Amino acid sequence: MGPSTGGRTRLSGMQKQVLSLYRGFLRAACSKPPEDRRQIESFVSAEFRCNSKQVDRKNFIYIEYLLRRGKKQLEQLNSPDTVGLSSMNVTFSETENPKN
């Protein structure tokens, strides 16, 4: 048997990236005014929770897309001029598109 992980499951590299992005959003929210901070924290929490329920864990391409989009949003949020976040709903079909 390998080294003990203290009863916790080892996280994959992608899971670590997702958690790091989430923590980054929470850190960025701390630099904003209190009322904006609560709104940002609420939005980020809801967005991550929604994606964790709706996105198939094996859909790596879509998860990588969400990570890239999240990193861009985090960069914008870290800007001193930015006070909040907004959402754009983008959906991808999990089936292959027919070719014409």
PDB file of N, CA and C in Angstrom:
ATOM      1  N   MET A   1       0.828  -1.188   0.000  1.00  0.00           N
ATOM      2  CA  MET A   1       0.000   0.000   0.000  1.00  0.00           C
ATOM      3  C   MET A   1       0.869   1.247   0.000  1.00  0.00           C
ATOM      4  N   GLY A   2       0.320   2.315  -0.573  1.00  0.00           N
ATOM      5  CA  GLY A   2       1.049   3.575  -0.683  1.00  0.00           C
ATOM      6  C   GLY A   2       0.941   4.389   0.590  1.00  0.00           C
ATOM      7  N   PRO A   3       1.503   5.588   0.565  1.00  0.00           N
ATOM      8  CA  PRO A   3       1.449   6.447   1.735  1.00  0.00           C
ATOM      9  C   PRO A   3       0.012   6.812   2.091  1.00  0.00           C
ATOM     10  N   SER A   4      -0.231   6.976   3.357  1.00  0.00           N
ATOM     11  CA  SER A   4      -1.570   7.305   3.840  1.00  0.00           C
ATOM     12  C   SER A   4      -1.934   8.738   3.469  1.00  0.00           C
ATOM     13  N   THR A   5      -3.185   8.933   3.060  1.00  0.00           N
ATOM     14  CA  THR A   5      -3.659  10.274   2.714  1.00  0.00           C
ATOM     15  C   THR A   5      -4.615  10.796   3.782  1.00  0.00           C
ATOM     16  N   GLY A   6      -4.579  10.185   4.962  1.00  0.00           N
ATOM     17  CA  GLY A   6      -5.418  10.664   6.051  1.00  0.00           C
ATOM     18  C   GLY A   6      -6.898  10.423   5.830  1.00  0.00           C
ATOM     19  N   GLY A   7      -7.248   9.376   5.085  1.00  0.00           N
ATOM     20  CA  GLY A   7      -8.656   9.062   4.862  1.00  0.00           C
ATOM     21  C   GLY A   7      -9.279   9.865   3.734  1.00  0.00           C
ATOM     22  N   ARG A   8      -8.521  10.733   3.097  1.00  0.00           N
ATOM     23  CA  ARG A   8      -9.053  11.535   1.998  1.00  0.00           C
ATOM     24  C   ARG A   8      -8.688  10.900   0.668  1.00  0.00           C
ATOM     25  N   THR A   9      -9.545  11.125  -0.304  1.00  0.00           N
ATOM     26  CA  THR A   9      -9.288  10.647  -1.647  1.00  0.00           C
ATOM     27  C   THR A   9      -8.312  11.584  -2.344  1.00  0.00           C
ATOM     28  N   ARG A  10      -7.390  11.016  -3.078  1.00  0.00           N
ATOM     29  CA  ARG A  10      -6.458  11.845  -3.844  1.00  0.00           C
ATOM     30  C   ARG A  10      -7.201  12.544  -4.963  1.00  0.00           C
ATOM     31  N   LEU A  11      -6.849  13.799  -5.188  1.00  0.00           N
ATOM     32  CA  LEU A  11      -7.494  14.583  -6.232  1.00  0.00           C
ATOM     33  C   LEU A  11      -6.695  14.499  -7.519  1.00  0.00           C
ATOM     34  N   SER A  12      -7.403  14.508  -8.628  1.00  0.00           N
ATOM     35  CA  SER A  12      -6.728  14.525  -9.928  1.00  0.00           C
ATOM     36  C   SER A  12      -6.185  15.932 -10.178  1.00  0.00           C
ATOM     37  N   GLY A  13      -5.359  16.065 -11.192  1.00  0.00           N
ATOM     38  CA  GLY A  13      -4.811  17.370 -11.537  1.00  0.00           C
ATOM     39  C   GLY A  13      -5.900  18.367 -11.896  1.00  0.00           C
ATOM     40  N   MET A  14      -6.916  17.902 -12.619  1.00  0.00           N
ATOM     41  CA  MET A  14      -8.006  18.795 -13.020  1.00  0.00           C
ATOM     42  C   MET A  14      -8.827  19.229 -11.806  1.00  0.00           C
ATOM     43  N   GLN A  15      -9.064  18.318 -10.867  1.00  0.00           N
ATOM     44  CA  GLN A  15      -9.796  18.676  -9.643  1.00  0.00           C
ATOM     45  C   GLN A  15      -9.025  19.727  -8.859  1.00  0.00           C
ATOM     46  N   LYS A  16      -7.706  19.582  -8.809  1.00  0.00           N
ATOM     47  CA  LYS A  16      -6.881  20.568  -8.115  1.00  0.00           C
ATOM     48  C   LYS A  16      -6.975  21.929  -8.792  1.00  0.00           C
ATOM     49  N   GLN A  17      -7.021  21.935 -10.134  1.00  0.00           N
ATOM     50  CA  GLN A  17      -7.153  23.191 -10.864  1.00  0.00           C
ATOM     51  C   GLN A  17      -8.487  23.867 -10.561  1.00  0.00           C
ATOM     52  N   VAL A  18      -9.554  23.078 -10.489  1.00  0.00           N
ATOM     53  CA  VAL A  18     -10.882  23.622 -10.202  1.00  0.00           C
ATOM     54  C   VAL A  18     -10.904  24.228  -8.800  1.00  0.00           C
ATOM     55  N   LEU A  19     -10.367  23.491  -7.822  1.00  0.00           N
ATOM     56  CA  LEU A  19     -10.337  24.011  -6.449  1.00  0.00           C
ATOM     57  C   LEU A  19      -9.473  25.262  -6.336  1.00  0.00           C
ATOM     58  N   SER A  20      -8.361  25.285  -7.051  1.00  0.00           N
ATOM     59  CA  SER A  20      -7.488  26.449  -7.048  1.00  0.00           C
ATOM     60  C   SER A  20      -8.201  27.665  -7.637  1.00  0.00           C
ATOM     61  N   LEU A  21      -8.943  27.446  -8.720  1.00  0.00           N
ATOM     62  CA  LEU A  21      -9.707  28.535  -9.335  1.00  0.00           C
ATOM     63  C   LEU A  21     -10.768  29.050  -8.365  1.00  0.00           C
ATOM     64  N   TYR A  22     -11.471  28.136  -7.692  1.00  0.00           N
ATOM     65  CA  TYR A  22     -12.498  28.528  -6.723  1.00  0.00           C
ATOM     66  C   TYR A  22     -11.888  29.369  -5.601  1.00  0.00           C
ATOM     67  N   ARG A  23     -10.759  28.912  -5.053  1.00  0.00           N
ATOM     68  CA  ARG A  23     -10.082  29.678  -3.993  1.00  0.00           C
ATOM     69  C   ARG A  23      -9.620  31.033  -4.511  1.00  0.00           C
ATOM     70  N   GLY A  24      -9.170  31.074  -5.768  1.00  0.00           N
ATOM     71  CA  GLY A  24      -8.752  32.339  -6.370  1.00  0.00           C
ATOM     72  C   GLY A  24      -9.898  33.336  -6.429  1.00  0.00           C
ATOM     73  N   PHE A  25     -11.093  32.858  -6.793  1.00  0.00           N
ATOM     74  CA  PHE A  25     -12.265  33.738  -6.820  1.00  0.00           C
ATOM     75  C   PHE A  25     -12.589  34.259  -5.423  1.00  0.00           C
ATOM     76  N   LEU A  26     -12.510  33.379  -4.424  1.00  0.00           N
ATOM     77  CA  LEU A  26     -12.819  33.814  -3.060  1.00  0.00           C
ATOM     78  C   LEU A  26     -11.793  34.827  -2.562  1.00  0.00           C
ATOM     79  N   ARG A  27     -10.520  34.623  -2.909  1.00  0.00           N
ATOM     80  CA  ARG A  27      -9.484  35.596  -2.534  1.00  0.00           C
ATOM     81  C   ARG A  27      -9.719  36.936  -3.219  1.00  0.00           C
ATOM     82  N   ALA A  28     -10.067  36.891  -4.500  1.00  0.00           N
ATOM     83  CA  ALA A  28     -10.320  38.126  -5.249  1.00  0.00           C
ATOM     84  C   ALA A  28     -11.528  38.865  -4.671  1.00  0.00           C
ATOM     85  N   ALA A  29     -12.529  38.121  -4.226  1.00  0.00           N
ATOM     86  CA  ALA A  29     -13.723  38.742  -3.646  1.00  0.00           C
ATOM     87  C   ALA A  29     -13.375  39.508  -2.376  1.00  0.00           C
ATOM     88  N   CYS A  30     -12.373  39.039  -1.637  1.00  0.00           N
ATOM     89  CA  CYS A  30     -11.975  39.712  -0.392  1.00  0.00           C
ATOM     90  C   CYS A  30     -11.432  41.110  -0.634  1.00  0.00           C
ATOM     91  N   SER A  31     -10.966  41.390  -1.852  1.00  0.00           N
ATOM     92  CA  SER A  31     -10.410  42.709  -2.149  1.00  0.00           C
ATOM     93  C   SER A  31     -11.488  43.706  -2.575  1.00  0.00           C
ATOM     94  N   LYS A  32     -12.731  43.266  -2.650  1.00  0.00           N
ATOM     95  CA  LYS A  32     -13.838  44.124  -3.085  1.00  0.00           C
ATOM     96  C   LYS A  32     -14.611  44.637  -1.879  1.00  0.00           C
ATOM     97  N   PRO A  33     -15.423  45.691  -2.060  1.00  0.00           N
ATOM     98  CA  PRO A  33     -16.253  46.200  -0.950  1.00  0.00           C
ATOM     99  C   PRO A  33     -17.183  45.098  -0.422  1.00  0.00           C
ATOM    100  N   PRO A  34     -17.565  45.182   0.868  1.00  0.00           N
ATOM    101  CA  PRO A  34     -18.354  44.105   1.511  1.00  0.00           C
ATOM    102  C   PRO A  34     -19.619  43.696   0.753  1.00  0.00           C
ATOM    103  N   GLU A  35     -20.399  44.661   0.259  1.00  0.00           N
ATOM    104  CA  GLU A  35     -21.640  44.273  -0.429  1.00  0.00           C
ATOM    105  C   GLU A  35     -21.343  43.570  -1.753  1.00  0.00           C
ATOM    106  N   ASP A  36     -20.304  44.029  -2.471  1.00  0.00           N
ATOM    107  CA  ASP A  36     -19.904  43.365  -3.711  1.00  0.00           C
ATOM    108  C   ASP A  36     -19.309  41.996  -3.408  1.00  0.00           C
ATOM    109  N   ARG A  37     -18.559  41.905  -2.316  1.00  0.00           N
ATOM    110  CA  ARG A  37     -17.936  40.645  -1.915  1.00  0.00           C
ATOM    111  C   ARG A  37     -18.982  39.561  -1.720  1.00  0.00           C
ATOM    112  N   ARG A  38     -20.057  39.877  -1.006  1.00  0.00           N
ATOM    113  CA  ARG A  38     -21.108  38.885  -0.759  1.00  0.00           C
ATOM    114  C   ARG A  38     -21.752  38.437  -2.068  1.00  0.00           C
ATOM    115  N   GLN A  39     -21.986  39.392  -2.965  1.00  0.00           N
ATOM    116  CA  GLN A  39     -22.589  39.062  -4.256  1.00  0.00           C
ATOM    117  C   GLN A  39     -21.650  38.156  -5.072  1.00  0.00           C
ATOM    118  N   ILE A  40     -20.376  38.484  -5.087  1.00  0.00           N
ATOM    119  CA  ILE A  40     -19.393  37.693  -5.838  1.00  0.00           C
ATOM    120  C   ILE A  40     -19.292  36.289  -5.258  1.00  0.00           C
ATOM    121  N   GLU A  41     -19.176  36.186  -3.927  1.00  0.00           N
ATOM    122  CA  GLU A  41     -19.071  34.874  -3.289  1.00  0.00           C
ATOM    123  C   GLU A  41     -20.302  34.021  -3.573  1.00  0.00           C
ATOM    124  N   SER A  42     -21.472  34.635  -3.522  1.00  0.00           N
ATOM    125  CA  SER A  42     -22.711  33.920  -3.783  1.00  0.00           C
ATOM    126  C   SER A  42     -22.772  33.434  -5.236  1.00  0.00           C
ATOM    127  N   PHE A  43     -22.400  34.327  -6.160  1.00  0.00           N
ATOM    128  CA  PHE A  43     -22.417  33.985  -7.579  1.00  0.00           C
ATOM    129  C   PHE A  43     -21.434  32.853  -7.880  1.00  0.00           C
ATOM    130  N   VAL A  44     -20.224  32.974  -7.369  1.00  0.00           N
ATOM    131  CA  VAL A  44     -19.183  31.969  -7.624  1.00  0.00           C
ATOM    132  C   VAL A  44     -19.605  30.614  -7.051  1.00  0.00           C
ATOM    133  N   SER A  45     -20.102  30.624  -5.837  1.00  0.00           N
ATOM    134  CA  SER A  45     -20.546  29.379  -5.201  1.00  0.00           C
ATOM    135  C   SER A  45     -21.656  28.719  -6.017  1.00  0.00           C
ATOM    136  N   ALA A  46     -22.641  29.505  -6.436  1.00  0.00           N
ATOM    137  CA  ALA A  46     -23.756  28.960  -7.211  1.00  0.00           C
ATOM    138  C   ALA A  46     -23.282  28.427  -8.559  1.00  0.00           C
ATOM    139  N   GLU A  47     -22.368  29.150  -9.216  1.00  0.00           N
ATOM    140  CA  GLU A  47     -21.861  28.739 -10.525  1.00  0.00           C
ATOM    141  C   GLU A  47     -21.086  27.425 -10.428  1.00  0.00           C
ATOM    142  N   PHE A  48     -20.206  27.316  -9.429  1.00  0.00           N
ATOM    143  CA  PHE A  48     -19.432  26.084  -9.267  1.00  0.00           C
ATOM    144  C   PHE A  48     -20.348  24.919  -8.892  1.00  0.00           C
ATOM    145  N   ARG A  49     -21.303  25.167  -8.017  1.00  0.00           N
ATOM    146  CA  ARG A  49     -22.227  24.109  -7.599  1.00  0.00           C
ATOM    147  C   ARG A  49     -23.060  23.628  -8.784  1.00  0.00           C
ATOM    148  N   CYS A  50     -23.561  24.560  -9.575  1.00  0.00           N
ATOM    149  CA  CYS A  50     -24.369  24.212 -10.748  1.00  0.00           C
ATOM    150  C   CYS A  50     -23.557  23.375 -11.725  1.00  0.00           C
ATOM    151  N   ASN A  51     -22.338  23.808 -12.007  1.00  0.00           N
ATOM    152  CA  ASN A  51     -21.489  23.058 -12.943  1.00  0.00           C
ATOM    153  C   ASN A  51     -21.121  21.689 -12.398  1.00  0.00           C
ATOM    154  N   SER A  52     -20.943  21.573 -11.088  1.00  0.00           N
ATOM    155  CA  SER A  52     -20.578  20.270 -10.525  1.00  0.00           C
ATOM    156  C   SER A  52     -21.715  19.266 -10.677  1.00  0.00           C
ATOM    157  N   LYS A  53     -22.945  19.749 -10.721  1.00  0.00           N
ATOM    158  CA  LYS A  53     -24.092  18.863 -10.858  1.00  0.00           C
ATOM    159  C   LYS A  53     -24.433  18.577 -12.325  1.00  0.00           C
ATOM    160  N   GLN A  54     -24.205  19.559 -13.196  1.00  0.00           N
ATOM    161  CA  GLN A  54     -24.655  19.435 -14.583  1.00  0.00           C
ATOM    162  C   GLN A  54     -23.605  18.883 -15.542  1.00  0.00           C
ATOM    163  N   VAL A  55     -22.335  19.068 -15.235  1.00  0.00           N
ATOM    164  CA  VAL A  55     -21.282  18.669 -16.163  1.00  0.00           C
ATOM    165  C   VAL A  55     -20.799  17.260 -15.816  1.00  0.00           C
ATOM    166  N   ASP A  56     -20.778  16.399 -16.822  1.00  0.00           N
ATOM    167  CA  ASP A  56     -20.285  15.042 -16.640  1.00  0.00           C
ATOM    168  C   ASP A  56     -18.795  15.085 -16.290  1.00  0.00           C
ATOM    169  N   ARG A  57     -18.398  14.373 -15.259  1.00  0.00           N
ATOM    170  CA  ARG A  57     -17.006  14.384 -14.792  1.00  0.00           C
ATOM    171  C   ARG A  57     -16.021  13.876 -15.841  1.00  0.00           C
ATOM    172  N   LYS A  58     -16.508  13.159 -16.825  1.00  0.00           N
ATOM    173  CA  LYS A  58     -15.624  12.620 -17.853  1.00  0.00           C
ATOM    174  C   LYS A  58     -15.583  13.492 -19.105  1.00  0.00           C
ATOM    175  N   ASN A  59     -16.298  14.603 -19.093  1.00  0.00           N
ATOM    176  CA  ASN A  59     -16.312  15.517 -20.231  1.00  0.00           C
ATOM    177  C   ASN A  59     -15.155  16.509 -20.066  1.00  0.00           C
ATOM    178  N   PHE A  60     -13.939  16.003 -20.252  1.00  0.00           N
ATOM    179  CA  PHE A  60     -12.728  16.776 -19.969  1.00  0.00           C
ATOM    180  C   PHE A  60     -12.598  18.019 -20.844  1.00  0.00           C
ATOM    181  N   ILE A  61     -13.016  17.912 -22.080  1.00  0.00           N
ATOM    182  CA  ILE A  61     -12.902  19.064 -22.983  1.00  0.00           C
ATOM    183  C   ILE A  61     -13.750  20.223 -22.471  1.00  0.00           C
ATOM    184  N   TYR A  62     -14.974  19.940 -22.058  1.00  0.00           N
ATOM    185  CA  TYR A  62     -15.855  20.998 -21.552  1.00  0.00           C
ATOM    186  C   TYR A  62     -15.340  21.546 -20.216  1.00  0.00           C
ATOM    187  N   ILE A  63     -14.824  20.674 -19.369  1.00  0.00           N
ATOM    188  CA  ILE A  63     -14.280  21.124 -18.083  1.00  0.00           C
ATOM    189  C   ILE A  63     -13.073  22.026 -18.325  1.00  0.00           C
ATOM    190  N   GLU A  64     -12.228  21.654 -19.290  1.00  0.00           N
ATOM    191  CA  GLU A  64     -11.081  22.508 -19.617  1.00  0.00           C
ATOM    192  C   GLU A  64     -11.537  23.857 -20.151  1.00  0.00           C
ATOM    193  N   TYR A  65     -12.601  23.856 -20.946  1.00  0.00           N
ATOM    194  CA  TYR A  65     -13.176  25.110 -21.437  1.00  0.00           C
ATOM    195  C   TYR A  65     -13.650  25.975 -20.255  1.00  0.00           C
ATOM    196  N   LEU A  66     -14.358  25.356 -19.312  1.00  0.00           N
ATOM    197  CA  LEU A  66     -14.845  26.103 -18.147  1.00  0.00           C
ATOM    198  C   LEU A  66     -13.678  26.651 -17.319  1.00  0.00           C
ATOM    199  N   LEU A  67     -12.608  25.883 -17.194  1.00  0.00           N
ATOM    200  CA  LEU A  67     -11.425  26.360 -16.475  1.00  0.00           C
ATOM    201  C   LEU A  67     -10.816  27.581 -17.166  1.00  0.00           C
ATOM    202  N   ARG A  68     -10.673  27.513 -18.507  1.00  0.00           N
ATOM    203  CA  ARG A  68     -10.119  28.663 -19.241  1.00  0.00           C
ATOM    204  C   ARG A  68     -11.001  29.889 -19.091  1.00  0.00           C
ATOM    205  N   ARG A  69     -12.315  29.691 -19.202  1.00  0.00           N
ATOM    206  CA  ARG A  69     -13.253  30.806 -19.063  1.00  0.00           C
ATOM    207  C   ARG A  69     -13.187  31.377 -17.651  1.00  0.00           C
ATOM    208  N   GLY A  70     -13.100  30.497 -16.659  1.00  0.00           N
ATOM    209  CA  GLY A  70     -13.010  30.941 -15.273  1.00  0.00           C
ATOM    210  C   GLY A  70     -11.738  31.723 -15.004  1.00  0.00           C
ATOM    211  N   LYS A  71     -10.619  31.284 -15.582  1.00  0.00           N
ATOM    212  CA  LYS A  71      -9.353  31.999 -15.386  1.00  0.00           C
ATOM    213  C   LYS A  71      -9.424  33.399 -15.979  1.00  0.00           C
ATOM    214  N   LYS A  72     -10.069  33.532 -17.136  1.00  0.00           N
ATOM    215  CA  LYS A  72     -10.239  34.856 -17.740  1.00  0.00           C
ATOM    216  C   LYS A  72     -11.117  35.740 -16.864  1.00  0.00           C
ATOM    217  N   GLN A  73     -12.198  35.169 -16.337  1.00  0.00           N
ATOM    218  CA  GLN A  73     -13.075  35.939 -15.450  1.00  0.00           C
ATOM    219  C   GLN A  73     -12.332  36.346 -14.185  1.00  0.00           C
ATOM    220  N   LEU A  74     -11.487  35.457 -13.665  1.00  0.00           N
ATOM    221  CA  LEU A  74     -10.722  35.769 -12.461  1.00  0.00           C
ATOM    222  C   LEU A  74      -9.740  36.909 -12.730  1.00  0.00           C
ATOM    223  N   GLU A  75      -9.094  36.888 -13.895  1.00  0.00           N
ATOM    224  CA  GLU A  75      -8.194  37.987 -14.255  1.00  0.00           C
ATOM    225  C   GLU A  75      -8.946  39.315 -14.280  1.00  0.00           C
ATOM    226  N   GLN A  76     -10.151  39.304 -14.841  1.00  0.00           N
ATOM    227  CA  GLN A  76     -10.955  40.517 -14.888  1.00  0.00           C
ATOM    228  C   GLN A  76     -11.364  40.948 -13.485  1.00  0.00           C
ATOM    229  N   LEU A  77     -11.735  39.997 -12.654  1.00  0.00           N
ATOM    230  CA  LEU A  77     -12.160  40.314 -11.296  1.00  0.00           C
ATOM    231  C   LEU A  77     -11.013  40.879 -10.480  1.00  0.00           C
ATOM    232  N   ASN A  78      -9.796  40.441 -10.741  1.00  0.00           N
ATOM    233  CA  ASN A  78      -8.633  40.946 -10.020  1.00  0.00           C
ATOM    234  C   ASN A  78      -8.290  42.391 -10.394  1.00  0.00           C
ATOM    235  N   SER A  79      -8.872  42.874 -11.480  1.00  0.00           N
ATOM    236  CA  SER A  79      -8.658  44.264 -11.876  1.00  0.00           C
ATOM    237  C   SER A  79      -9.317  45.183 -10.843  1.00  0.00           C
ATOM    238  N   PRO A  80      -8.641  46.260 -10.433  1.00  0.00           N
ATOM    239  CA  PRO A  80      -9.217  47.161  -9.427  1.00  0.00           C
ATOM    240  C   PRO A  80     -10.500  47.850  -9.899  1.00  0.00           C
ATOM    241  N   ASP A  81     -10.700  47.949 -11.216  1.00  0.00           N
ATOM    242  CA  ASP A  81     -11.890  48.625 -11.748  1.00  0.00           C
ATOM    243  C   ASP A  81     -13.126  47.735 -11.764  1.00  0.00           C
ATOM    244  N   THR A  82     -12.938  46.430 -11.609  1.00  0.00           N
ATOM    245  CA  THR A  82     -14.054  45.486 -11.667  1.00  0.00           C
ATOM    246  C   THR A  82     -14.668  45.328 -10.283  1.00  0.00           C
ATOM    247  N   VAL A  83     -16.015  45.431 -10.231  1.00  0.00           N
ATOM    248  CA  VAL A  83     -16.693  45.288  -8.938  1.00  0.00           C
ATOM    249  C   VAL A  83     -17.571  44.048  -8.862  1.00  0.00           C
ATOM    250  N   GLY A  84     -17.850  43.386  -9.990  1.00  0.00           N
ATOM    251  CA  GLY A  84     -18.721  42.222  -9.930  1.00  0.00           C
ATOM    252  C   GLY A  84     -18.532  41.302 -11.117  1.00  0.00           C
ATOM    253  N   LEU A  85     -19.313  40.249 -11.150  1.00  0.00           N
ATOM    254  CA  LEU A  85     -19.273  39.261 -12.225  1.00  0.00           C
ATOM    255  C   LEU A  85     -20.649  39.141 -12.843  1.00  0.00           C
ATOM    256  N   SER A  86     -20.678  38.692 -14.084  1.00  0.00           N
ATOM    257  CA  SER A  86     -21.943  38.359 -14.713  1.00  0.00           C
ATOM    258  C   SER A  86     -21.777  37.012 -15.391  1.00  0.00           C
ATOM    259  N   SER A  87     -22.868  36.429 -15.785  1.00  0.00           N
ATOM    260  CA  SER A  87     -22.822  35.097 -16.368  1.00  0.00           C
ATOM    261  C   SER A  87     -23.353  35.129 -17.786  1.00  0.00           C
ATOM    262  N   MET A  88     -22.780  34.265 -18.607  1.00  0.00           N
ATOM    263  CA  MET A  88     -23.264  34.070 -19.954  1.00  0.00           C
ATOM    264  C   MET A  88     -23.533  32.581 -20.077  1.00  0.00           C
ATOM    265  N   ASN A  89     -24.753  32.236 -20.419  1.00  0.00           N
ATOM    266  CA  ASN A  89     -25.099  30.823 -20.541  1.00  0.00           C
ATOM    267  C   ASN A  89     -24.640  30.291 -21.889  1.00  0.00           C
ATOM    268  N   VAL A  90     -23.773  29.305 -21.849  1.00  0.00           N
ATOM    269  CA  VAL A  90     -23.286  28.643 -23.049  1.00  0.00           C
ATOM    270  C   VAL A  90     -23.541  27.163 -22.868  1.00  0.00           C
ATOM    271  N   THR A  91     -24.202  26.560 -23.832  1.00  0.00           N
ATOM    272  CA  THR A  91     -24.459  25.129 -23.730  1.00  0.00           C
ATOM    273  C   THR A  91     -23.866  24.428 -24.934  1.00  0.00           C
ATOM    274  N   PHE A  92     -23.350  23.251 -24.692  1.00  0.00           N
ATOM    275  CA  PHE A  92     -22.798  22.425 -25.750  1.00  0.00           C
ATOM    276  C   PHE A  92     -23.553  21.112 -25.742  1.00  0.00           C
ATOM    277  N   SER A  93     -23.851  20.630 -26.918  1.00  0.00           N
ATOM    278  CA  SER A  93     -24.515  19.344 -27.036  1.00  0.00           C
ATOM    279  C   SER A  93     -23.489  18.252 -26.745  1.00  0.00           C
ATOM    280  N   GLU A  94     -23.895  17.256 -26.007  1.00  0.00           N
ATOM    281  CA  GLU A  94     -22.996  16.157 -25.691  1.00  0.00           C
ATOM    282  C   GLU A  94     -22.978  15.130 -26.828  1.00  0.00           C
ATOM    283  N   THR A  95     -23.852  15.325 -27.829  1.00  0.00           N
ATOM    284  CA  THR A  95     -23.850  14.414 -28.977  1.00  0.00           C
ATOM    285  C   THR A  95     -23.072  15.060 -30.106  1.00  0.00           C
ATOM    286  N   GLU A  96     -22.632  14.252 -31.011  1.00  0.00           N
ATOM    287  CA  GLU A  96     -21.853  14.757 -32.134  1.00  0.00           C
ATOM    288  C   GLU A  96     -22.771  15.465 -33.117  1.00  0.00           C
ATOM    289  N   ASN A  97     -22.325  16.614 -33.625  1.00  0.00           N
ATOM    290  CA  ASN A  97     -23.105  17.354 -34.600  1.00  0.00           C
ATOM    291  C   ASN A  97     -23.081  16.618 -35.955  1.00  0.00           C
ATOM    292  N   PRO A  98     -24.236  16.534 -36.632  1.00  0.00           N
ATOM    293  CA  PRO A  98     -24.239  15.872 -37.944  1.00  0.00           C
ATOM    294  C   PRO A  98     -23.476  16.728 -38.959  1.00  0.00           C
ATOM    295  N   LYS A  99     -22.791  16.052 -39.847  1.00  0.00           N
ATOM    296  CA  LYS A  99     -22.031  16.764 -40.884  1.00  0.00           C
ATOM    297  C   LYS A  99     -22.867  16.877 -42.125  1.00  0.00           C
ATOM    298  N   ASN A 100     -22.876  18.049 -42.727  1.00  0.00           N
ATOM    299  CA  ASN A 100     -23.654  18.277 -43.953  1.00  0.00           C
ATOM    300  C   ASN A 100     -22.820  18.045 -45.173  1.00  0.00           C
TER     301      ASN A 100
END
